[in-house]
C-alpha atoms as a PDB file:
ATOM      1  CA  MET A   1       0.000   0.000   0.000  1.00  0.00           C
ATOM      2  CA  PHE A   2       2.789   2.413   0.914  1.00  0.00           C
ATOM      3  CA  PHE A   3       4.569   1.631  -2.380  1.00  0.00           C
ATOM      4  CA  TYR A   4       1.530   2.587  -4.455  1.00  0.00           C
ATOM      5  CA  ARG A   5       0.882   5.669  -2.360  1.00  0.00           C
ATOM      6  CA  PHE A   6       4.500   6.764  -2.771  1.00  0.00           C
ATOM      7  CA  LEU A   7       4.366   6.315  -6.544  1.00  0.00           C
ATOM      8  CA  GLY A   8       1.105   8.216  -6.709  1.00  0.00           C
ATOM      9  CA  VAL A   9       2.618  11.148  -4.820  1.00  0.00           C
ATOM     10  CA  LEU A  10       5.788  10.946  -6.926  1.00  0.00           C
ATOM     11  CA  PHE A  11       3.766  11.117 -10.102  1.00  0.00           C
ATOM     12  CA  ILE A  12       1.744  14.069  -8.963  1.00  0.00           C
ATOM     13  CA  THR A  13       4.854  15.879  -7.770  1.00  0.00           C
ATOM     14  CA  PHE A  14       6.756  15.515 -11.022  1.00  0.00           C
ATOM     15  CA  TYR A  15       4.059  15.482 -13.635  1.00  0.00           C
ATOM     16  CA  PHE A  16       0.404  15.945 -13.672  1.00  0.00           C
ATOM     17  CA  PHE A  17      -0.276  18.696 -11.235  1.00  0.00           C
ATOM     18  CA  GLY A  18       3.055  19.493  -9.730  1.00  0.00           C
ATOM     19  CA  CYS A  19       4.358  22.053 -12.150  1.00  0.00           C
ATOM     20  CA  GLY A  20       3.501  25.510 -11.732  1.00  0.00           C
ATOM     21  CA  THR A  21       4.933  28.713 -10.255  1.00  0.00           C
ATOM     22  CA  ASN A  22       4.520  31.508 -12.760  1.00  0.00           C
ATOM     23  CA  SER A  23       7.723  33.493 -12.508  1.00  0.00           C
ATOM     24  CA  GLU A  24       6.455  36.626 -14.203  1.00  0.00           C
ATOM     25  CA  ASN A  25       4.800  38.288 -11.213  1.00  0.00           C
ATOM     26  CA  LYS A  26       3.234  41.735 -11.282  1.00  0.00           C
ATOM     27  CA  SER A  27       2.975  44.130  -8.435  1.00  0.00           C
ATOM     28  CA  ASP A  28      -0.144  43.828  -6.321  1.00  0.00           C
ATOM     29  CA  ASN A  29      -0.511  47.576  -6.741  1.00  0.00           C
ATOM     30  CA  GLU A  30      -1.310  47.169 -10.410  1.00  0.00           C
ATOM     31  CA  MET A  31      -4.860  48.155 -11.182  1.00  0.00           C
ATOM     32  CA  PRO A  32      -7.186  45.352 -12.348  1.00  0.00           C
ATOM     33  CA  LYS A  33      -8.034  45.473 -16.021  1.00  0.00           C
ATOM     34  CA  ALA A  34     -10.639  44.097 -18.349  1.00  0.00           C
ATOM     35  CA  ILE A  35     -10.002  43.340 -22.008  1.00  0.00           C
ATOM     36  CA  VAL A  36     -12.974  42.806 -24.286  1.00  0.00           C
ATOM     37  CA  HIS A  37     -12.628  40.453 -27.251  1.00  0.00           C
ATOM     38  CA  SER A  38     -15.070  40.298 -30.113  1.00  0.00           C
ATOM     39  CA  ASN A  39     -15.800  37.216 -32.190  1.00  0.00           C
ATOM     40  CA  SER A  40     -12.625  36.227 -34.065  1.00  0.00           C
ATOM     41  CA  ASP A  41     -11.860  33.346 -36.386  1.00  0.00           C
ATOM     42  CA  SER A  42      -9.495  30.653 -35.135  1.00  0.00           C
ATOM     43  CA  LEU A  43      -6.479  29.695 -37.197  1.00  0.00           C
ATOM     44  CA  ASP A  44      -6.937  26.510 -39.194  1.00  0.00           C
ATOM     45  CA  LEU A  45      -3.662  24.627 -38.748  1.00  0.00           C
ATOM     46  CA  SER A  46      -3.164  20.892 -39.148  1.00  0.00           C
ATOM     47  CA  ASP A  47      -1.706  19.242 -36.081  1.00  0.00           C
ATOM     48  CA  THR A  48       1.278  17.380 -37.489  1.00  0.00           C
ATOM     49  CA  LEU A  49       3.351  17.737 -34.304  1.00  0.00           C
ATOM     50  CA  ASN A  50       6.304  18.174 -36.643  1.00  0.00           C
ATOM     51  CA  GLU A  51       9.203  19.715 -34.723  1.00  0.00           C
ATOM     52  CA  GLN A  52      10.300  21.889 -37.621  1.00  0.00           C
ATOM     53  CA  LEU A  53       6.863  23.468 -37.959  1.00  0.00           C
ATOM     54  CA  TYR A  54       6.966  24.520 -34.325  1.00  0.00           C
ATOM     55  CA  GLU A  55      10.234  26.465 -34.443  1.00  0.00           C
ATOM     56  CA  GLU A  56       8.453  29.783 -34.968  1.00  0.00           C
ATOM     57  CA  ALA A  57       5.897  29.040 -32.247  1.00  0.00           C
ATOM     58  CA  ASP A  58       8.608  28.139 -29.734  1.00  0.00           C
ATOM     59  CA  ASN A  59      10.141  31.575 -30.213  1.00  0.00           C
ATOM     60  CA  LEU A  60       6.987  33.251 -28.945  1.00  0.00           C
ATOM     61  CA  ALA A  61       6.738  34.537 -25.400  1.00  0.00           C
ATOM     62  CA  TYR A  62       4.381  32.416 -23.306  1.00  0.00           C
ATOM     63  CA  GLU A  63       1.776  35.165 -23.094  1.00  0.00           C
ATOM     64  CA  GLU A  64       1.853  35.524 -26.892  1.00  0.00           C
ATOM     65  CA  ALA A  65       1.198  31.782 -27.210  1.00  0.00           C
ATOM     66  CA  TYR A  66      -1.629  32.126 -24.677  1.00  0.00           C
ATOM     67  CA  ASP A  67      -3.208  34.945 -26.676  1.00  0.00           C
ATOM     68  CA  LYS A  68      -2.984  32.906 -29.879  1.00  0.00           C
ATOM     69  CA  ALA A  69      -4.773  30.059 -28.113  1.00  0.00           C
ATOM     70  CA  LEU A  70      -7.541  32.455 -27.121  1.00  0.00           C
ATOM     71  CA  THR A  71      -8.359  32.944 -30.808  1.00  0.00           C
ATOM     72  CA  LEU A  72      -9.693  29.373 -30.710  1.00  0.00           C
ATOM     73  CA  PHE A  73     -12.618  30.497 -28.538  1.00  0.00           C
ATOM     74  CA  ASN A  74     -14.253  32.141 -31.540  1.00  0.00           C
ATOM     75  CA  ILE A  75     -16.805  33.920 -29.340  1.00  0.00           C
ATOM     76  CA  PRO A  76     -16.905  37.333 -27.618  1.00  0.00           C
ATOM     77  CA  PHE A  77     -15.304  37.271 -24.163  1.00  0.00           C
ATOM     78  CA  ILE A  78     -13.722  39.512 -21.557  1.00  0.00           C
ATOM     79  CA  GLU A  79     -10.345  39.073 -19.892  1.00  0.00           C
ATOM     80  CA  GLN A  80     -10.490  40.532 -16.396  1.00  0.00           C
ATOM     81  CA  ASP A  81      -7.856  40.813 -13.670  1.00  0.00           C
ATOM     82  CA  VAL A  82      -9.324  40.400 -10.188  1.00  0.00           C
ATOM     83  CA  LYS A  83      -7.146  41.845  -7.460  1.00  0.00           C
ATOM     84  CA  THR A  84      -6.471  39.540  -4.484  1.00  0.00           C
ATOM     85  CA  LYS A  85      -4.026  39.606  -1.585  1.00  0.00           C
ATOM     86  CA  PHE A  86      -1.968  36.998  -3.452  1.00  0.00           C
ATOM     87  CA  GLY A  87      -1.816  39.018  -6.694  1.00  0.00           C
ATOM     88  CA  ASN A  88      -4.081  39.524  -9.691  1.00  0.00           C
ATOM     89  CA  ALA A  89      -6.253  36.588 -10.747  1.00  0.00           C
ATOM     90  CA  HIS A  90      -6.915  36.290 -14.470  1.00  0.00           C
ATOM     91  CA  VAL A  91     -10.508  35.416 -15.333  1.00  0.00           C
ATOM     92  CA  ILE A  92     -12.038  34.887 -18.765  1.00  0.00           C
ATOM     93  CA  ILE A  93     -15.725  35.839 -18.746  1.00  0.00           C
ATOM     94  CA  CYS A  94     -18.307  35.127 -21.443  1.00  0.00           C
ATOM     95  CA  GLY A  95     -21.950  34.244 -21.943  1.00  0.00           C
ATOM     96  CA  PRO A  96     -25.174  36.104 -21.154  1.00  0.00           C
ATOM     97  CA  LYS A  97     -24.800  38.619 -18.321  1.00  0.00           C
ATOM     98  CA  ASN A  98     -27.964  37.363 -16.676  1.00  0.00           C
ATOM     99  CA  GLY A  99     -27.014  33.714 -17.136  1.00  0.00           C
ATOM    100  CA  GLU A 100     -26.540  31.343 -14.221  1.00  0.00           C
ATOM    101  CA  PRO A 101     -22.832  31.425 -13.215  1.00  0.00           C
ATOM    102  CA  LEU A 102     -20.584  28.514 -14.217  1.00  0.00           C
ATOM    103  CA  VAL A 103     -16.991  28.544 -12.925  1.00  0.00           C
ATOM    104  CA  LEU A 104     -14.339  26.518 -14.807  1.00  0.00           C
ATOM    105  CA  LEU A 105     -11.100  25.269 -13.219  1.00  0.00           C
ATOM    106  CA  HIS A 106      -8.585  23.828 -15.687  1.00  0.00           C
ATOM    107  CA  GLY A 107      -6.099  20.959 -15.484  1.00  0.00           C
ATOM    108  CA  MET A 108      -2.319  21.072 -15.062  1.00  0.00           C
ATOM    109  CA  ASN A 109      -0.415  23.543 -17.225  1.00  0.00           C
ATOM    110  CA  ALA A 110      -3.399  23.813 -19.571  1.00  0.00           C
ATOM    111  CA  SER A 111      -4.649  27.217 -18.335  1.00  0.00           C
ATOM    112  CA  SER A 112      -8.139  28.392 -19.165  1.00  0.00           C
ATOM    113  CA  THR A 113      -7.422  28.094 -22.881  1.00  0.00           C
ATOM    114  CA  MET A 114      -8.008  24.342 -22.564  1.00  0.00           C
ATOM    115  CA  TRP A 115     -11.742  25.068 -22.714  1.00  0.00           C
ATOM    116  CA  TYR A 116     -11.588  26.135 -26.373  1.00  0.00           C
ATOM    117  CA  PRO A 117     -13.607  23.075 -27.572  1.00  0.00           C
ATOM    118  CA  ASN A 118     -16.276  23.609 -24.894  1.00  0.00           C
ATOM    119  CA  ILE A 119     -16.612  27.312 -24.210  1.00  0.00           C
ATOM    120  CA  LYS A 120     -19.089  28.055 -26.999  1.00  0.00           C
ATOM    121  CA  SER A 121     -21.533  25.406 -25.757  1.00  0.00           C
ATOM    122  CA  TYR A 122     -21.284  26.449 -22.119  1.00  0.00           C
ATOM    123  CA  SER A 123     -21.546  30.174 -22.786  1.00  0.00           C
ATOM    124  CA  LYS A 124     -24.734  29.694 -24.788  1.00  0.00           C
ATOM    125  CA  TYR A 125     -26.650  29.061 -21.569  1.00  0.00           C
ATOM    126  CA  TYR A 126     -24.387  30.225 -18.726  1.00  0.00           C
ATOM    127  CA  ARG A 127     -22.300  33.165 -17.621  1.00  0.00           C
ATOM    128  CA  VAL A 128     -18.905  31.455 -17.680  1.00  0.00           C
ATOM    129  CA  TYR A 129     -15.924  32.362 -15.497  1.00  0.00           C
ATOM    130  CA  ALA A 130     -12.702  30.506 -16.386  1.00  0.00           C
ATOM    131  CA  ILE A 131      -9.950  31.104 -13.822  1.00  0.00           C
ATOM    132  CA  ASP A 132      -6.212  30.591 -14.384  1.00  0.00           C
ATOM    133  CA  TYR A 133      -4.626  28.748 -11.457  1.00  0.00           C
ATOM    134  CA  PHE A 134      -2.023  31.008  -9.859  1.00  0.00           C
ATOM    135  CA  LEU A 135       0.692  28.407  -9.193  1.00  0.00           C
ATOM    136  CA  GLU A 136       1.022  27.407 -12.847  1.00  0.00           C
ATOM    137  CA  PRO A 137       1.848  29.180 -16.111  1.00  0.00           C
ATOM    138  CA  GLY A 138      -1.104  31.283 -17.174  1.00  0.00           C
ATOM    139  CA  LYS A 139      -2.085  34.908 -16.738  1.00  0.00           C
ATOM    140  CA  SER A 140      -2.859  34.859 -13.032  1.00  0.00           C
ATOM    141  CA  GLN A 141      -0.053  36.451 -11.038  1.00  0.00           C
ATOM    142  CA  TYR A 142       1.159  35.247  -7.664  1.00  0.00           C
ATOM    143  CA  ILE A 143       3.116  37.143  -5.040  1.00  0.00           C
ATOM    144  CA  GLY A 144       4.857  35.286  -2.242  1.00  0.00           C
ATOM    145  CA  LYS A 145       4.771  31.601  -1.407  1.00  0.00           C
ATOM    146  CA  THR A 146       2.190  29.180  -0.102  1.00  0.00           C
ATOM    147  CA  SER A 147       2.271  25.537   0.882  1.00  0.00           C
ATOM    148  CA  ASN A 148      -1.182  25.635   2.406  1.00  0.00           C
ATOM    149  CA  THR A 149      -4.222  24.269   0.593  1.00  0.00           C
ATOM    150  CA  ASN A 150      -6.472  26.463   2.722  1.00  0.00           C
ATOM    151  CA  GLU A 151      -4.719  29.576   1.412  1.00  0.00           C
ATOM    152  CA  ILE A 152      -5.227  28.371  -2.157  1.00  0.00           C
ATOM    153  CA  ILE A 153      -8.931  27.935  -1.473  1.00  0.00           C
ATOM    154  CA  ASP A 154      -8.970  31.357   0.216  1.00  0.00           C
ATOM    155  CA  TRP A 155      -7.665  32.779  -3.071  1.00  0.00           C
ATOM    156  CA  TYR A 156     -10.564  31.283  -5.007  1.00  0.00           C
ATOM    157  CA  PHE A 157     -13.105  32.655  -2.563  1.00  0.00           C
ATOM    158  CA  GLU A 158     -11.594  36.131  -2.849  1.00  0.00           C
ATOM    159  CA  ILE A 159     -12.258  35.869  -6.577  1.00  0.00           C
ATOM    160  CA  PHE A 160     -15.790  34.562  -6.085  1.00  0.00           C
ATOM    161  CA  ASP A 161     -16.588  37.372  -3.646  1.00  0.00           C
ATOM    162  CA  GLN A 162     -15.199  40.144  -5.860  1.00  0.00           C
ATOM    163  CA  LEU A 163     -17.124  38.774  -8.837  1.00  0.00           C
ATOM    164  CA  GLN A 164     -20.197  38.632  -6.573  1.00  0.00           C
ATOM    165  CA  LEU A 165     -20.724  34.930  -7.202  1.00  0.00           C
ATOM    166  CA  LYS A 166     -22.880  34.095  -4.216  1.00  0.00           C
ATOM    167  CA  LYS A 167     -24.090  30.784  -5.667  1.00  0.00           C
ATOM    168  CA  PHE A 168     -22.719  29.116  -8.789  1.00  0.00           C
ATOM    169  CA  ASN A 169     -22.060  25.892 -10.646  1.00  0.00           C
ATOM    170  CA  LEU A 170     -18.493  24.598 -10.500  1.00  0.00           C
ATOM    171  CA  LEU A 171     -16.730  22.487 -13.135  1.00  0.00           C
ATOM    172  CA  GLY A 172     -13.173  21.236 -12.597  1.00  0.00           C
ATOM    173  CA  ALA A 173     -10.942  19.068 -14.780  1.00  0.00           C
ATOM    174  CA  SER A 174      -8.130  16.940 -13.404  1.00  0.00           C
ATOM    175  CA  ARG A 175      -6.315  18.982 -10.766  1.00  0.00           C
ATOM    176  CA  GLY A 176      -9.097  21.508 -11.151  1.00  0.00           C
ATOM    177  CA  GLY A 177     -11.488  18.756 -10.074  1.00  0.00           C
ATOM    178  CA  TRP A 178      -9.529  18.124  -6.891  1.00  0.00           C
ATOM    179  CA  LEU A 179      -9.524  21.847  -6.142  1.00  0.00           C
ATOM    180  CA  SER A 180     -13.259  22.002  -6.889  1.00  0.00           C
ATOM    181  CA  VAL A 181     -13.977  19.375  -4.241  1.00  0.00           C
ATOM    182  CA  ASN A 182     -11.943  21.391  -1.724  1.00  0.00           C
ATOM    183  CA  ILE A 183     -13.984  24.467  -2.599  1.00  0.00           C
ATOM    184  CA  ALA A 184     -17.234  22.521  -2.185  1.00  0.00           C
ATOM    185  CA  LEU A 185     -16.078  21.205   1.193  1.00  0.00           C
ATOM    186  CA  ARG A 186     -15.324  24.741   2.344  1.00  0.00           C
ATOM    187  CA  ALA A 187     -18.709  26.236   1.432  1.00  0.00           C
ATOM    188  CA  GLY A 188     -21.054  23.699  -0.098  1.00  0.00           C
ATOM    189  CA  SER A 189     -24.032  26.026   0.234  1.00  0.00           C
ATOM    190  CA  ARG A 190     -22.560  28.255  -2.464  1.00  0.00           C
ATOM    191  CA  ILE A 191     -22.200  25.442  -5.002  1.00  0.00           C
ATOM    192  CA  ASN A 192     -25.363  24.738  -6.953  1.00  0.00           C
ATOM    193  CA  LYS A 193     -23.984  21.760  -8.894  1.00  0.00           C
ATOM    194  CA  LEU A 194     -20.506  20.230  -9.096  1.00  0.00           C
ATOM    195  CA  ILE A 195     -19.015  18.673 -12.254  1.00  0.00           C
ATOM    196  CA  LEU A 196     -15.741  16.718 -12.127  1.00  0.00           C
ATOM    197  CA  LEU A 197     -13.990  15.692 -15.353  1.00  0.00           C
ATOM    198  CA  SER A 198     -11.486  12.942 -14.515  1.00  0.00           C
ATOM    199  CA  PRO A 199     -10.525  14.562 -11.213  1.00  0.00           C
ATOM    200  CA  ALA A 200      -7.018  13.551 -10.122  1.00  0.00           C
ATOM    201  CA  GLN A 201      -6.326  12.178  -6.629  1.00  0.00           C
ATOM    202  CA  THR A 202      -9.960  12.672  -5.680  1.00  0.00           C
ATOM    203  CA  PHE A 203     -11.563   9.230  -5.420  1.00  0.00           C
ATOM    204  CA  GLY A 204      -8.381   7.157  -5.450  1.00  0.00           C
ATOM    205  CA  ILE A 205      -4.595   7.128  -5.843  1.00  0.00           C
ATOM    206  CA  ILE A 206      -3.183   7.249  -9.364  1.00  0.00           C
ATOM    207  CA  LYS A 207      -1.837   3.767 -10.077  1.00  0.00           C
ATOM    208  CA  PRO A 208       1.642   3.435 -11.594  1.00  0.00           C
ATOM    209  CA  GLY A 209       2.185   2.107 -15.097  1.00  0.00           C
ATOM    210  CA  PHE A 210       4.375   2.563 -18.150  1.00  0.00           C
ATOM    211  CA  ASP A 211       2.437   5.585 -19.401  1.00  0.00           C
ATOM    212  CA  ILE A 212       2.610   7.196 -15.987  1.00  0.00           C
ATOM    213  CA  PHE A 213       6.373   6.774 -15.781  1.00  0.00           C
ATOM    214  CA  SER A 214       6.744   8.105 -19.320  1.00  0.00           C
ATOM    215  CA  ASN A 215       4.932  11.238 -18.261  1.00  0.00           C
ATOM    216  CA  ILE A 216       7.141  11.607 -15.193  1.00  0.00           C
ATOM    217  CA  GLY A 217      10.245  11.501 -17.354  1.00  0.00           C
ATOM    218  CA  TYR A 218       8.803  13.982 -19.816  1.00  0.00           C
ATOM    219  CA  SER A 219       7.821  16.425 -17.094  1.00  0.00           C
ATOM    220  CA  VAL A 220      11.380  16.502 -15.784  1.00  0.00           C
ATOM    221  CA  ILE A 221      12.903  17.102 -19.244  1.00  0.00           C
ATOM    222  CA  PRO A 222      10.197  18.158 -21.722  1.00  0.00           C
ATOM    223  CA  LYS A 223      11.304  17.743 -25.335  1.00  0.00           C
ATOM    224  CA  ARG A 224       9.276  18.543 -28.418  1.00  0.00           C
ATOM    225  CA  LYS A 225      10.183  15.256 -30.126  1.00  0.00           C
ATOM    226  CA  LYS A 226       8.593  13.339 -27.243  1.00  0.00           C
ATOM    227  CA  LEU A 227       5.473  15.470 -27.138  1.00  0.00           C
ATOM    228  CA  ARG A 228       3.267  13.419 -29.436  1.00  0.00           C
ATOM    229  CA  GLY A 229       3.928  10.196 -27.541  1.00  0.00           C
ATOM    230  CA  ILE A 230       3.091  11.885 -24.257  1.00  0.00           C
ATOM    231  CA  LEU A 231      -0.093  13.417 -25.623  1.00  0.00           C
ATOM    232  CA  GLU A 232      -1.163  10.002 -26.915  1.00  0.00           C
ATOM    233  CA  THR A 233      -1.085   8.681 -23.341  1.00  0.00           C
ATOM    234  CA  MET A 234      -3.527  11.405 -22.289  1.00  0.00           C
ATOM    235  CA  SER A 235      -5.695  11.811 -25.385  1.00  0.00           C
ATOM    236  CA  SER A 236      -7.429   9.382 -27.724  1.00  0.00           C
ATOM    237  CA  ASN A 237      -7.525  12.000 -30.484  1.00  0.00           C
ATOM    238  CA  VAL A 238      -4.238  13.880 -30.624  1.00  0.00           C
ATOM    239  CA  ASP A 239      -4.756  14.796 -34.278  1.00  0.00           C
ATOM    240  CA  GLY A 240      -7.983  16.505 -33.300  1.00  0.00           C
ATOM    241  CA  MET A 241      -6.234  18.845 -30.863  1.00  0.00           C
ATOM    242  CA  SER A 242      -5.418  22.351 -32.051  1.00  0.00           C
ATOM    243  CA  GLN A 243      -1.780  22.940 -32.928  1.00  0.00           C
ATOM    244  CA  ILE A 244      -2.104  26.425 -31.460  1.00  0.00           C
ATOM    245  CA  PHE A 245      -3.164  25.025 -28.088  1.00  0.00           C
ATOM    246  CA  ILE A 246      -0.456  22.344 -28.176  1.00  0.00           C
ATOM    247  CA  ASN A 247       2.152  25.065 -28.754  1.00  0.00           C
ATOM    248  CA  GLN A 248       1.019  26.870 -25.624  1.00  0.00           C
ATOM    249  CA  TYR A 249       0.746  23.652 -23.629  1.00  0.00           C
ATOM    250  CA  PHE A 250       4.311  22.642 -24.531  1.00  0.00           C
ATOM    251  CA  MET A 251       5.634  26.076 -23.579  1.00  0.00           C
ATOM    252  CA  ALA A 252       3.829  25.784 -20.243  1.00  0.00           C
ATOM    253  CA  THR A 253       5.525  22.456 -19.463  1.00  0.00           C
ATOM    254  CA  LYS A 254       8.899  24.065 -20.118  1.00  0.00           C
ATOM    255  CA  LYS A 255       8.050  27.166 -18.087  1.00  0.00           C
ATOM    256  CA  ALA A 256       6.556  25.375 -15.086  1.00  0.00           C
ATOM    257  CA  SER A 257       8.413  24.700 -11.849  1.00  0.00           C
ATOM    258  CA  ILE A 258       7.788  22.246  -9.026  1.00  0.00           C
ATOM    259  CA  ASP A 259       4.921  23.192  -6.739  1.00  0.00           C
ATOM    260  CA  ALA A 260       5.343  21.723  -3.244  1.00  0.00           C
ATOM    261  CA  ASN A 261       1.586  21.915  -2.647  1.00  0.00           C
ATOM    262  CA  VAL A 262       0.963  18.873  -4.828  1.00  0.00           C
ATOM    263  CA  ILE A 263       2.474  16.582  -2.216  1.00  0.00           C
ATOM    264  CA  LYS A 264      -0.616  17.363  -0.168  1.00  0.00           C
ATOM    265  CA  MET A 265      -2.943  16.216  -2.926  1.00  0.00           C
ATOM    266  CA  GLN A 266      -4.422  13.024  -1.534  1.00  0.00           C
ATOM    267  CA  PRO A 267      -7.773  11.284  -2.136  1.00  0.00           C
ATOM    268  CA  PHE A 268     -10.527  12.582   0.093  1.00  0.00           C
ATOM    269  CA  PHE A 269     -11.695  10.696   3.137  1.00  0.00           C
ATOM    270  CA  GLY A 270     -15.049   8.975   2.973  1.00  0.00           C
ATOM    271  CA  LYS A 271     -16.578  11.298   5.545  1.00  0.00           C
ATOM    272  CA  GLU A 272     -15.556  14.289   3.445  1.00  0.00           C
ATOM    273  CA  LEU A 273     -17.148  12.918   0.294  1.00  0.00           C
ATOM    274  CA  LYS A 274     -20.282  11.946   2.212  1.00  0.00           C
ATOM    275  CA  SER A 275     -20.651  15.535   3.403  1.00  0.00           C
ATOM    276  CA  LEU A 276     -21.125  16.802  -0.174  1.00  0.00           C
ATOM    277  CA  LYS A 277     -24.867  17.197  -0.607  1.00  0.00           C
ATOM    278  CA  MET A 278     -25.073  19.109  -3.904  1.00  0.00           C
ATOM    279  CA  PRO A 279     -25.733  17.206  -7.167  1.00  0.00           C
ATOM    280  CA  ILE A 280     -22.436  15.920  -8.598  1.00  0.00           C
ATOM    281  CA  LEU A 281     -21.498  14.683 -12.054  1.00  0.00           C
ATOM    282  CA  VAL A 282     -18.291  12.658 -12.489  1.00  0.00           C
ATOM    283  CA  LEU A 283     -17.109  11.770 -15.997  1.00  0.00           C
ATOM    284  CA  ILE A 284     -13.987   9.864 -17.038  1.00  0.00           C
ATOM    285  CA  GLY A 285     -12.659   8.524 -20.333  1.00  0.00           C
ATOM    286  CA  ASP A 286     -12.564   4.817 -21.119  1.00  0.00           C
ATOM    287  CA  ARG A 287      -8.851   5.243 -21.948  1.00  0.00           C
ATOM    288  CA  ASP A 288      -8.119   7.373 -18.911  1.00  0.00           C
ATOM    289  CA  ILE A 289      -4.775   6.673 -17.197  1.00  0.00           C
ATOM    290  CA  ILE A 290      -5.732   8.775 -14.157  1.00  0.00           C
ATOM    291  CA  ASN A 291      -9.148   7.329 -13.269  1.00  0.00           C
ATOM    292  CA  GLY A 292     -10.949   4.041 -13.788  1.00  0.00           C
ATOM    293  CA  GLY A 293     -14.044   2.113 -12.821  1.00  0.00           C
ATOM    294  CA  LEU A 294     -12.997   1.747  -9.181  1.00  0.00           C
ATOM    295  CA  ASN A 295     -12.906   5.512  -8.817  1.00  0.00           C
ATOM    296  CA  LEU A 296     -16.461   5.814 -10.126  1.00  0.00           C
ATOM    297  CA  THR A 297     -17.554   3.017  -7.798  1.00  0.00           C
ATOM    298  CA  ARG A 298     -16.153   4.880  -4.795  1.00  0.00           C
ATOM    299  CA  ALA A 299     -17.808   8.091  -5.945  1.00  0.00           C
ATOM    300  CA  LYS A 300     -21.201   6.352  -6.216  1.00  0.00           C
ATOM    301  CA  ARG A 301     -20.767   4.676  -2.843  1.00  0.00           C
ATOM    302  CA  LEU A 302     -19.811   7.798  -0.912  1.00  0.00           C
ATOM    303  CA  CYS A 303     -21.443  10.779  -2.621  1.00  0.00           C
ATOM    304  CA  ALA A 304     -25.098  11.162  -1.773  1.00  0.00           C
ATOM    305  CA  ASN A 305     -26.324  12.735  -4.995  1.00  0.00           C
ATOM    306  CA  VAL A 306     -23.953  11.686  -7.775  1.00  0.00           C
ATOM    307  CA  ASP A 307     -24.260  10.810 -11.446  1.00  0.00           C
ATOM    308  CA  THR A 308     -21.289   9.100 -13.122  1.00  0.00           C
ATOM    309  CA  GLY A 309     -20.348   8.155 -16.638  1.00  0.00           C
ATOM    310  CA  THR A 310     -17.558   6.776 -18.813  1.00  0.00           C
ATOM    311  CA  ILE A 311     -17.017   8.496 -22.161  1.00  0.00           C
ATOM    312  CA  SER A 312     -16.155   6.094 -24.978  1.00  0.00           C
ATOM    313  CA  ASN A 313     -13.020   6.640 -27.049  1.00  0.00           C
ATOM    314  CA  ALA A 314     -11.705   9.291 -24.658  1.00  0.00           C
ATOM    315  CA  GLY A 315      -8.573   9.618 -22.575  1.00  0.00           C
ATOM    316  CA  HIS A 316      -7.811  11.880 -19.645  1.00  0.00           C
ATOM    317  CA  PHE A 317      -8.359  14.879 -21.928  1.00  0.00           C
ATOM    318  CA  LEU A 318     -11.976  13.829 -22.406  1.00  0.00           C
ATOM    319  CA  SER A 319     -13.284  17.386 -22.799  1.00  0.00           C
ATOM    320  CA  MET A 320     -11.127  17.654 -25.933  1.00  0.00           C
ATOM    321  CA  ASP A 321     -11.352  14.059 -27.172  1.00  0.00           C
ATOM    322  CA  GLN A 322     -15.150  13.967 -27.137  1.00  0.00           C
ATOM    323  CA  SER A 323     -16.164  17.567 -26.625  1.00  0.00           C
ATOM    324  CA  ASP A 324     -19.660  17.252 -28.116  1.00  0.00           C
ATOM    325  CA  ILE A 325     -20.564  14.268 -25.935  1.00  0.00           C
ATOM    326  CA  VAL A 326     -19.040  15.744 -22.789  1.00  0.00           C
ATOM    327  CA  ASP A 327     -20.670  19.133 -23.356  1.00  0.00           C
ATOM    328  CA  LYS A 328     -24.048  17.502 -23.870  1.00  0.00           C
ATOM    329  CA  ARG A 329     -23.726  15.508 -20.638  1.00  0.00           C
ATOM    330  CA  VAL A 330     -22.625  18.578 -18.695  1.00  0.00           C
ATOM    331  CA  ILE A 331     -25.397  20.843 -20.008  1.00  0.00           C
ATOM    332  CA  GLU A 332     -28.084  18.191 -19.508  1.00  0.00           C
ATOM    333  CA  PHE A 333     -26.878  17.716 -15.934  1.00  0.00           C
ATOM    334  CA  LEU A 334     -26.886  21.447 -15.248  1.00  0.00           C
ATOM    335  CA  ARG A 335     -30.322  22.059 -16.774  1.00  0.00           C
ATOM    336  CA  LYS A 336     -32.266  19.169 -15.278  1.00  0.00           C
END
């Protein structure tokens, strides 16, 4: 048991959620800003993952790569900086102003741009708030240090309060799912419904395997020539992923640094999961290397009001692999 627990922690530390202090901090005296984007066409590039074709992209600054990835949204949105005691939080806001709030928390090193296949569907019905995690590459800025999960959750609630989100739906992917459960445990009365897309270290320890160890090695020394193989362990449809997003994702893995907080990422105790009373949806991919059937079984056994599902022909990146199916499940769950 200890061996598997150790490997699970090792994996998290070196790969999936462990990378992240954004080194380009701004002063906390900087005034918050909001940038409005109108509908813009995304760039139609084939995803060959050819190293030569990426040379120009790799010469971009990370924020330039981030902004290019935002063109994939192809809908009007606002970029807003929310001032917190930890630094400015970057939030992408879209959808009808009077729509029910839906907060999105992304997975490791993906930033809020990972929602490019889903954002149009969600913003049709909901006022969407996608938040960049402040201990990873993105546009949120972090001042100081923290090794305390409670302080991380405090940061999110500062954002919620300043955005006047008194009650909202919460959707988290991977590490974002684990953080979402922590948020729900802190103040469940504010969460209308909770959606977890292959949440890591939430219902069980990540089991070791060849693909896991491959990802550990890649996270320590990320190389472009190894990128496709790594993506194929996480996605069932690498060729369907946008080259623009992959460029940004690769730059994030190179930019990221070890975040000591991930060592504290452990599956939740049964009594914690039992205390969650809001409706919960848990989805995983049938080719998911992070979650499997046992995780869904534990979720159904311990969560009082949970709906679970396995998405066919999808890996850990299920919201990209099968975006139409996932979006339909999420929206149906939210609207019923």
